[in-house]
Amino acid sequence: MTSSATTQSSSPASAASAGATLSDLIVQSLTRHSSSEAFVAGDRRLTYAQVRDLVSQYMGALSRRGVGLGVGVTMLPQPEHA
């Protein structure tokens, strides 16, 4: 199999086994469609590039706090102010 055939037939599972994290795969996918709209909520619109940048910031913040492969993370909602 040629290197281009290998690249074309690689799956997310094989990419993950090659050292890519789920976060890496998400960022790569968001980059492919960077100028298209990813989310629309009323007047607020986010392109895939904007979502990619937000995900990258989140990944960096977790990494700086020692979160890496095999570390579980949970998110708790902020309490609403009365």
PDB file of N, CA and C in Angstrom:
ATOM      1  N   MET A   1       0.839  -1.175   0.000  1.00  0.00           N
ATOM      2  CA  MET A   1       0.000   0.000   0.000  1.00  0.00           C
ATOM      3  C   MET A   1       0.885   1.238   0.000  1.00  0.00           C
ATOM      4  N   THR A   2       0.559   2.217  -0.833  1.00  0.00           N
ATOM      5  CA  THR A   2       1.359   3.436  -0.888  1.00  0.00           C
ATOM      6  C   THR A   2       1.021   4.332   0.288  1.00  0.00           C
ATOM      7  N   SER A   3       1.882   5.309   0.548  1.00  0.00           N
ATOM      8  CA  SER A   3       1.630   6.200   1.678  1.00  0.00           C
ATOM      9  C   SER A   3       0.349   7.004   1.472  1.00  0.00           C
ATOM     10  N   SER A   4       0.032   7.397   0.228  1.00  0.00           N
ATOM     11  CA  SER A   4      -1.205   8.150   0.003  1.00  0.00           C
ATOM     12  C   SER A   4      -2.416   7.250   0.205  1.00  0.00           C
ATOM     13  N   ALA A   5      -2.317   5.986  -0.165  1.00  0.00           N
ATOM     14  CA  ALA A   5      -3.420   5.055   0.064  1.00  0.00           C
ATOM     15  C   ALA A   5      -3.597   4.809   1.554  1.00  0.00           C
ATOM     16  N   THR A   6      -2.494   4.748   2.276  1.00  0.00           N
ATOM     17  CA  THR A   6      -2.571   4.566   3.719  1.00  0.00           C
ATOM     18  C   THR A   6      -3.257   5.761   4.359  1.00  0.00           C
ATOM     19  N   THR A   7      -2.910   6.952   3.940  1.00  0.00           N
ATOM     20  CA  THR A   7      -3.505   8.158   4.492  1.00  0.00           C
ATOM     21  C   THR A   7      -4.998   8.211   4.198  1.00  0.00           C
ATOM     22  N   GLN A   8      -5.394   7.864   2.985  1.00  0.00           N
ATOM     23  CA  GLN A   8      -6.790   7.928   2.609  1.00  0.00           C
ATOM     24  C   GLN A   8      -7.623   6.891   3.356  1.00  0.00           C
ATOM     25  N   SER A   9      -7.053   5.738   3.681  1.00  0.00           N
ATOM     26  CA  SER A   9      -7.834   4.686   4.305  1.00  0.00           C
ATOM     27  C   SER A   9      -7.728   4.692   5.821  1.00  0.00           C
ATOM     28  N   SER A  10      -6.975   5.626   6.392  1.00  0.00           N
ATOM     29  CA  SER A  10      -6.829   5.634   7.845  1.00  0.00           C
ATOM     30  C   SER A  10      -8.137   6.038   8.495  1.00  0.00           C
ATOM     31  N   SER A  11      -8.473   5.350   9.570  1.00  0.00           N
ATOM     32  CA  SER A  11      -9.707   5.625  10.299  1.00  0.00           C
ATOM     33  C   SER A  11      -9.368   6.340  11.586  1.00  0.00           C
ATOM     34  N   PRO A  12     -10.384   6.909  12.266  1.00  0.00           N
ATOM     35  CA  PRO A  12     -10.106   7.532  13.560  1.00  0.00           C
ATOM     36  C   PRO A  12      -9.462   6.555  14.540  1.00  0.00           C
ATOM     37  N   ALA A  13      -9.862   5.284  14.483  1.00  0.00           N
ATOM     38  CA  ALA A  13      -9.279   4.297  15.394  1.00  0.00           C
ATOM     39  C   ALA A  13      -7.791   4.115  15.125  1.00  0.00           C
ATOM     40  N   SER A  14      -7.399   4.037  13.845  1.00  0.00           N
ATOM     41  CA  SER A  14      -5.981   3.859  13.557  1.00  0.00           C
ATOM     42  C   SER A  14      -5.200   5.130  13.875  1.00  0.00           C
ATOM     43  N   ALA A  15      -5.822   6.301  13.682  1.00  0.00           N
ATOM     44  CA  ALA A  15      -5.150   7.553  14.037  1.00  0.00           C
ATOM     45  C   ALA A  15      -4.938   7.625  15.542  1.00  0.00           C
ATOM     46  N   ALA A  16      -5.941   7.202  16.316  1.00  0.00           N
ATOM     47  CA  ALA A  16      -5.813   7.225  17.770  1.00  0.00           C
ATOM     48  C   ALA A  16      -4.719   6.277  18.227  1.00  0.00           C
ATOM     49  N   SER A  17      -4.619   5.130  17.582  1.00  0.00           N
ATOM     50  CA  SER A  17      -3.587   4.181  17.984  1.00  0.00           C
ATOM     51  C   SER A  17      -2.198   4.675  17.590  1.00  0.00           C
ATOM     52  N   ALA A  18      -2.135   5.658  16.681  1.00  0.00           N
ATOM     53  CA  ALA A  18      -0.853   6.222  16.271  1.00  0.00           C
ATOM     54  C   ALA A  18      -0.438   7.386  17.167  1.00  0.00           C
ATOM     55  N   GLY A  19      -1.186   7.622  18.254  1.00  0.00           N
ATOM     56  CA  GLY A  19      -0.812   8.671  19.189  1.00  0.00           C
ATOM     57  C   GLY A  19      -1.680   9.907  19.141  1.00  0.00           C
ATOM     58  N   ALA A  20      -2.626   9.978  18.213  1.00  0.00           N
ATOM     59  CA  ALA A  20      -3.525  11.126  18.156  1.00  0.00           C
ATOM     60  C   ALA A  20      -4.598  10.968  19.225  1.00  0.00           C
ATOM     61  N   THR A  21      -4.931  12.055  19.890  1.00  0.00           N
ATOM     62  CA  THR A  21      -5.985  12.016  20.902  1.00  0.00           C
ATOM     63  C   THR A  21      -7.323  12.367  20.259  1.00  0.00           C
ATOM     64  N   LEU A  22      -8.395  12.125  20.983  1.00  0.00           N
ATOM     65  CA  LEU A  22      -9.712  12.506  20.495  1.00  0.00           C
ATOM     66  C   LEU A  22      -9.749  14.005  20.232  1.00  0.00           C
ATOM     67  N   SER A  23      -9.132  14.775  21.102  1.00  0.00           N
ATOM     68  CA  SER A  23      -9.066  16.226  20.908  1.00  0.00           C
ATOM     69  C   SER A  23      -8.374  16.574  19.601  1.00  0.00           C
ATOM     70  N   ASP A  24      -7.283  15.877  19.291  1.00  0.00           N
ATOM     71  CA  ASP A  24      -6.572  16.114  18.030  1.00  0.00           C
ATOM     72  C   ASP A  24      -7.487  15.842  16.840  1.00  0.00           C
ATOM     73  N   LEU A  25      -8.242  14.751  16.912  1.00  0.00           N
ATOM     74  CA  LEU A  25      -9.138  14.393  15.815  1.00  0.00           C
ATOM     75  C   LEU A  25     -10.256  15.414  15.656  1.00  0.00           C
ATOM     76  N   ILE A  26     -10.780  15.925  16.764  1.00  0.00           N
ATOM     77  CA  ILE A  26     -11.831  16.947  16.710  1.00  0.00           C
ATOM     78  C   ILE A  26     -11.294  18.218  16.059  1.00  0.00           C
ATOM     79  N   VAL A  27     -10.114  18.656  16.479  1.00  0.00           N
ATOM     80  CA  VAL A  27      -9.519  19.875  15.915  1.00  0.00           C
ATOM     81  C   VAL A  27      -9.256  19.696  14.419  1.00  0.00           C
ATOM     82  N   GLN A  28      -8.765  18.541  14.008  1.00  0.00           N
ATOM     83  CA  GLN A  28      -8.529  18.275  12.583  1.00  0.00           C
ATOM     84  C   GLN A  28      -9.828  18.355  11.794  1.00  0.00           C
ATOM     85  N   SER A  29     -10.897  17.780  12.330  1.00  0.00           N
ATOM     86  CA  SER A  29     -12.191  17.816  11.642  1.00  0.00           C
ATOM     87  C   SER A  29     -12.742  19.230  11.550  1.00  0.00           C
ATOM     88  N   LEU A  30     -12.613  19.998  12.619  1.00  0.00           N
ATOM     89  CA  LEU A  30     -13.091  21.373  12.606  1.00  0.00           C
ATOM     90  C   LEU A  30     -12.305  22.220  11.613  1.00  0.00           C
ATOM     91  N   THR A  31     -11.037  21.917  11.431  1.00  0.00           N
ATOM     92  CA  THR A  31     -10.194  22.659  10.494  1.00  0.00           C
ATOM     93  C   THR A  31     -10.637  22.428   9.052  1.00  0.00           C
ATOM     94  N   ARG A  32     -11.101  21.213   8.745  1.00  0.00           N
ATOM     95  CA  ARG A  32     -11.510  20.889   7.372  1.00  0.00           C
ATOM     96  C   ARG A  32     -12.657  21.771   6.875  1.00  0.00           C
ATOM     97  N   HIS A  33     -13.514  22.205   7.770  1.00  0.00           N
ATOM     98  CA  HIS A  33     -14.698  22.975   7.374  1.00  0.00           C
ATOM     99  C   HIS A  33     -14.675  24.367   7.997  1.00  0.00           C
ATOM    100  N   SER A  34     -13.502  24.939   8.141  1.00  0.00           N
ATOM    101  CA  SER A  34     -13.293  26.127   8.967  1.00  0.00           C
ATOM    102  C   SER A  34     -14.189  27.317   8.653  1.00  0.00           C
ATOM    103  N   SER A  35     -14.549  27.549   7.414  1.00  0.00           N
ATOM    104  CA  SER A  35     -15.331  28.745   7.102  1.00  0.00           C
ATOM    105  C   SER A  35     -16.840  28.524   7.188  1.00  0.00           C
ATOM    106  N   SER A  36     -17.278  27.295   7.292  1.00  0.00           N
ATOM    107  CA  SER A  36     -18.713  27.008   7.387  1.00  0.00           C
ATOM    108  C   SER A  36     -19.220  27.249   8.800  1.00  0.00           C
ATOM    109  N   GLU A  37     -20.520  27.529   8.922  1.00  0.00           N
ATOM    110  CA  GLU A  37     -21.117  27.732  10.236  1.00  0.00           C
ATOM    111  C   GLU A  37     -21.313  26.392  10.928  1.00  0.00           C
ATOM    112  N   ALA A  38     -20.902  26.325  12.174  1.00  0.00           N
ATOM    113  CA  ALA A  38     -21.043  25.105  12.961  1.00  0.00           C
ATOM    114  C   ALA A  38     -22.269  25.171  13.855  1.00  0.00           C
ATOM    115  N   PHE A  39     -22.495  26.345  14.474  1.00  0.00           N
ATOM    116  CA  PHE A  39     -23.603  26.521  15.401  1.00  0.00           C
ATOM    117  C   PHE A  39     -24.285  27.855  15.141  1.00  0.00           C
ATOM    118  N   VAL A  40     -25.608  27.828  15.228  1.00  0.00           N
ATOM    119  CA  VAL A  40     -26.399  29.050  15.111  1.00  0.00           C
ATOM    120  C   VAL A  40     -27.414  29.025  16.247  1.00  0.00           C
ATOM    121  N   ALA A  41     -27.405  30.077  17.059  1.00  0.00           N
ATOM    122  CA  ALA A  41     -28.363  30.216  18.153  1.00  0.00           C
ATOM    123  C   ALA A  41     -28.860  31.650  18.138  1.00  0.00           C
ATOM    124  N   GLY A  42     -30.007  31.861  17.550  1.00  0.00           N
ATOM    125  CA  GLY A  42     -30.515  33.219  17.408  1.00  0.00           C
ATOM    126  C   GLY A  42     -29.582  34.032  16.537  1.00  0.00           C
ATOM    127  N   ASP A  43     -29.108  35.146  17.078  1.00  0.00           N
ATOM    128  CA  ASP A  43     -28.181  36.006  16.334  1.00  0.00           C
ATOM    129  C   ASP A  43     -26.735  35.572  16.460  1.00  0.00           C
ATOM    130  N   ARG A  44     -26.465  34.641  17.343  1.00  0.00           N
ATOM    131  CA  ARG A  44     -25.078  34.198  17.560  1.00  0.00           C
ATOM    132  C   ARG A  44     -24.725  33.067  16.597  1.00  0.00           C
ATOM    133  N   ARG A  45     -23.630  33.241  15.904  1.00  0.00           N
ATOM    134  CA  ARG A  45     -23.170  32.251  14.932  1.00  0.00           C
ATOM    135  C   ARG A  45     -21.696  31.968  15.177  1.00  0.00           C
ATOM    136  N   LEU A  46     -21.339  30.689  15.114  1.00  0.00           N
ATOM    137  CA  LEU A  46     -19.938  30.289  15.263  1.00  0.00           C
ATOM    138  C   LEU A  46     -19.537  29.449  14.071  1.00  0.00           C
ATOM    139  N   THR A  47     -18.406  29.806  13.467  1.00  0.00           N
ATOM    140  CA  THR A  47     -17.872  28.981  12.383  1.00  0.00           C
ATOM    141  C   THR A  47     -17.107  27.809  12.996  1.00  0.00           C
ATOM    142  N   TYR A  48     -16.797  26.830  12.170  1.00  0.00           N
ATOM    143  CA  TYR A  48     -15.994  25.703  12.633  1.00  0.00           C
ATOM    144  C   TYR A  48     -14.635  26.183  13.121  1.00  0.00           C
ATOM    145  N   ALA A  49     -14.078  27.212  12.481  1.00  0.00           N
ATOM    146  CA  ALA A  49     -12.779  27.751  12.914  1.00  0.00           C
ATOM    147  C   ALA A  49     -12.887  28.351  14.312  1.00  0.00           C
ATOM    148  N   GLN A  50     -13.976  29.053  14.590  1.00  0.00           N
ATOM    149  CA  GLN A  50     -14.160  29.628  15.924  1.00  0.00           C
ATOM    150  C   GLN A  50     -14.330  28.532  16.976  1.00  0.00           C
ATOM    151  N   VAL A  51     -15.088  27.497  16.636  1.00  0.00           N
ATOM    152  CA  VAL A  51     -15.260  26.369  17.563  1.00  0.00           C
ATOM    153  C   VAL A  51     -13.921  25.674  17.785  1.00  0.00           C
ATOM    154  N   ARG A  52     -13.143  25.506  16.712  1.00  0.00           N
ATOM    155  CA  ARG A  52     -11.817  24.893  16.822  1.00  0.00           C
ATOM    156  C   ARG A  52     -10.946  25.683  17.789  1.00  0.00           C
ATOM    157  N   ASP A  53     -10.974  27.008  17.666  1.00  0.00           N
ATOM    158  CA  ASP A  53     -10.166  27.849  18.558  1.00  0.00           C
ATOM    159  C   ASP A  53     -10.617  27.726  20.011  1.00  0.00           C
ATOM    160  N   LEU A  54     -11.926  27.669  20.242  1.00  0.00           N
ATOM    161  CA  LEU A  54     -12.446  27.495  21.606  1.00  0.00           C
ATOM    162  C   LEU A  54     -12.056  26.131  22.173  1.00  0.00           C
ATOM    163  N   VAL A  55     -12.168  25.077  21.359  1.00  0.00           N
ATOM    164  CA  VAL A  55     -11.784  23.730  21.793  1.00  0.00           C
ATOM    165  C   VAL A  55     -10.287  23.697  22.102  1.00  0.00           C
ATOM    166  N   SER A  56      -9.486  24.339  21.270  1.00  0.00           N
ATOM    167  CA  SER A  56      -8.039  24.372  21.495  1.00  0.00           C
ATOM    168  C   SER A  56      -7.697  25.087  22.803  1.00  0.00           C
ATOM    169  N   GLN A  57      -8.401  26.190  23.094  1.00  0.00           N
ATOM    170  CA  GLN A  57      -8.175  26.900  24.353  1.00  0.00           C
ATOM    171  C   GLN A  57      -8.538  26.002  25.543  1.00  0.00           C
ATOM    172  N   TYR A  58      -9.645  25.304  25.431  1.00  0.00           N
ATOM    173  CA  TYR A  58     -10.099  24.401  26.488  1.00  0.00           C
ATOM    174  C   TYR A  58      -9.083  23.272  26.698  1.00  0.00           C
ATOM    175  N   MET A  59      -8.597  22.697  25.578  1.00  0.00           N
ATOM    176  CA  MET A  59      -7.594  21.627  25.658  1.00  0.00           C
ATOM    177  C   MET A  59      -6.326  22.129  26.331  1.00  0.00           C
ATOM    178  N   GLY A  60      -5.899  23.334  25.982  1.00  0.00           N
ATOM    179  CA  GLY A  60      -4.700  23.909  26.581  1.00  0.00           C
ATOM    180  C   GLY A  60      -4.866  24.131  28.072  1.00  0.00           C
ATOM    181  N   ALA A  61      -6.040  24.631  28.471  1.00  0.00           N
ATOM    182  CA  ALA A  61      -6.299  24.876  29.894  1.00  0.00           C
ATOM    183  C   ALA A  61      -6.270  23.564  30.680  1.00  0.00           C
ATOM    184  N   LEU A  62      -6.863  22.517  30.131  1.00  0.00           N
ATOM    185  CA  LEU A  62      -6.838  21.212  30.807  1.00  0.00           C
ATOM    186  C   LEU A  62      -5.414  20.671  30.888  1.00  0.00           C
ATOM    187  N   SER A  63      -4.674  20.803  29.804  1.00  0.00           N
ATOM    188  CA  SER A  63      -3.293  20.309  29.768  1.00  0.00           C
ATOM    189  C   SER A  63      -2.424  21.015  30.803  1.00  0.00           C
ATOM    190  N   ARG A  64      -2.590  22.324  30.934  1.00  0.00           N
ATOM    191  CA  ARG A  64      -1.811  23.088  31.916  1.00  0.00           C
ATOM    192  C   ARG A  64      -2.129  22.668  33.351  1.00  0.00           C
ATOM    193  N   ARG A  65      -3.288  22.062  33.540  1.00  0.00           N
ATOM    194  CA  ARG A  65      -3.670  21.587  34.870  1.00  0.00           C
ATOM    195  C   ARG A  65      -3.361  20.100  35.059  1.00  0.00           C
ATOM    196  N   GLY A  66      -2.580  19.534  34.130  1.00  0.00           N
ATOM    197  CA  GLY A  66      -2.132  18.159  34.275  1.00  0.00           C
ATOM    198  C   GLY A  66      -3.043  17.100  33.710  1.00  0.00           C
ATOM    199  N   VAL A  67      -4.092  17.503  33.012  1.00  0.00           N
ATOM    200  CA  VAL A  67      -4.999  16.531  32.410  1.00  0.00           C
ATOM    201  C   VAL A  67      -4.361  16.003  31.136  1.00  0.00           C
ATOM    202  N   GLY A  68      -4.270  14.691  31.026  1.00  0.00           N
ATOM    203  CA  GLY A  68      -3.691  14.061  29.856  1.00  0.00           C
ATOM    204  C   GLY A  68      -4.400  12.755  29.558  1.00  0.00           C
ATOM    205  N   LEU A  69      -3.776  11.931  28.754  1.00  0.00           N
ATOM    206  CA  LEU A  69      -4.361  10.644  28.378  1.00  0.00           C
ATOM    207  C   LEU A  69      -4.696   9.826  29.619  1.00  0.00           C
ATOM    208  N   GLY A  70      -5.898   9.279  29.643  1.00  0.00           N
ATOM    209  CA  GLY A  70      -6.314   8.407  30.725  1.00  0.00           C
ATOM    210  C   GLY A  70      -6.845   9.103  31.961  1.00  0.00           C
ATOM    211  N   VAL A  71      -6.882  10.428  31.953  1.00  0.00           N
ATOM    212  CA  VAL A  71      -7.371  11.178  33.109  1.00  0.00           C
ATOM    213  C   VAL A  71      -8.835  11.539  32.866  1.00  0.00           C
ATOM    214  N   GLY A  72      -9.694  11.184  33.800  1.00  0.00           N
ATOM    215  CA  GLY A  72     -11.113  11.502  33.689  1.00  0.00           C
ATOM    216  C   GLY A  72     -11.391  12.946  34.077  1.00  0.00           C
ATOM    217  N   VAL A  73     -12.353  13.543  33.421  1.00  0.00           N
ATOM    218  CA  VAL A  73     -12.732  14.929  33.686  1.00  0.00           C
ATOM    219  C   VAL A  73     -14.247  14.997  33.753  1.00  0.00           C
ATOM    220  N   THR A  74     -14.757  15.763  34.688  1.00  0.00           N
ATOM    221  CA  THR A  74     -16.185  16.005  34.744  1.00  0.00           C
ATOM    222  C   THR A  74     -16.428  17.512  34.779  1.00  0.00           C
ATOM    223  N   MET A  75     -17.576  17.915  34.307  1.00  0.00           N
ATOM    224  CA  MET A  75     -17.925  19.341  34.321  1.00  0.00           C
ATOM    225  C   MET A  75     -19.201  19.496  35.122  1.00  0.00           C
ATOM    226  N   LEU A  76     -19.194  20.454  36.013  1.00  0.00           N
ATOM    227  CA  LEU A  76     -20.355  20.740  36.831  1.00  0.00           C
ATOM    228  C   LEU A  76     -20.934  22.083  36.395  1.00  0.00           C
ATOM    229  N   PRO A  77     -22.254  22.183  36.359  1.00  0.00           N
ATOM    230  CA  PRO A  77     -22.851  23.475  35.966  1.00  0.00           C
ATOM    231  C   PRO A  77     -22.631  24.506  37.064  1.00  0.00           C
ATOM    232  N   GLN A  78     -22.536  25.757  36.655  1.00  0.00           N
ATOM    233  CA  GLN A  78     -22.442  26.837  37.623  1.00  0.00           C
ATOM    234  C   GLN A  78     -23.826  27.050  38.207  1.00  0.00           C
ATOM    235  N   PRO A  79     -23.906  27.274  39.496  1.00  0.00           N
ATOM    236  CA  PRO A  79     -25.227  27.567  40.078  1.00  0.00           C
ATOM    237  C   PRO A  79     -25.749  28.886  39.543  1.00  0.00           C
ATOM    238  N   GLU A  80     -27.045  28.949  39.338  1.00  0.00           N
ATOM    239  CA  GLU A  80     -27.648  30.193  38.877  1.00  0.00           C
ATOM    240  C   GLU A  80     -27.723  31.172  40.030  1.00  0.00           C
ATOM    241  N   HIS A  81     -27.500  32.434  39.706  1.00  0.00           N
ATOM    242  CA  HIS A  81     -27.595  33.476  40.726  1.00  0.00           C
ATOM    243  C   HIS A  81     -29.042  33.867  40.921  1.00  0.00           C
ATOM    244  N   ALA A  82     -29.410  34.074  42.180  1.00  0.00           N
ATOM    245  CA  ALA A  82     -30.804  34.435  42.495  1.00  0.00           C
ATOM    246  C   ALA A  82     -31.093  35.865  42.185  1.00  0.00           C
TER     247      ALA A  82
END
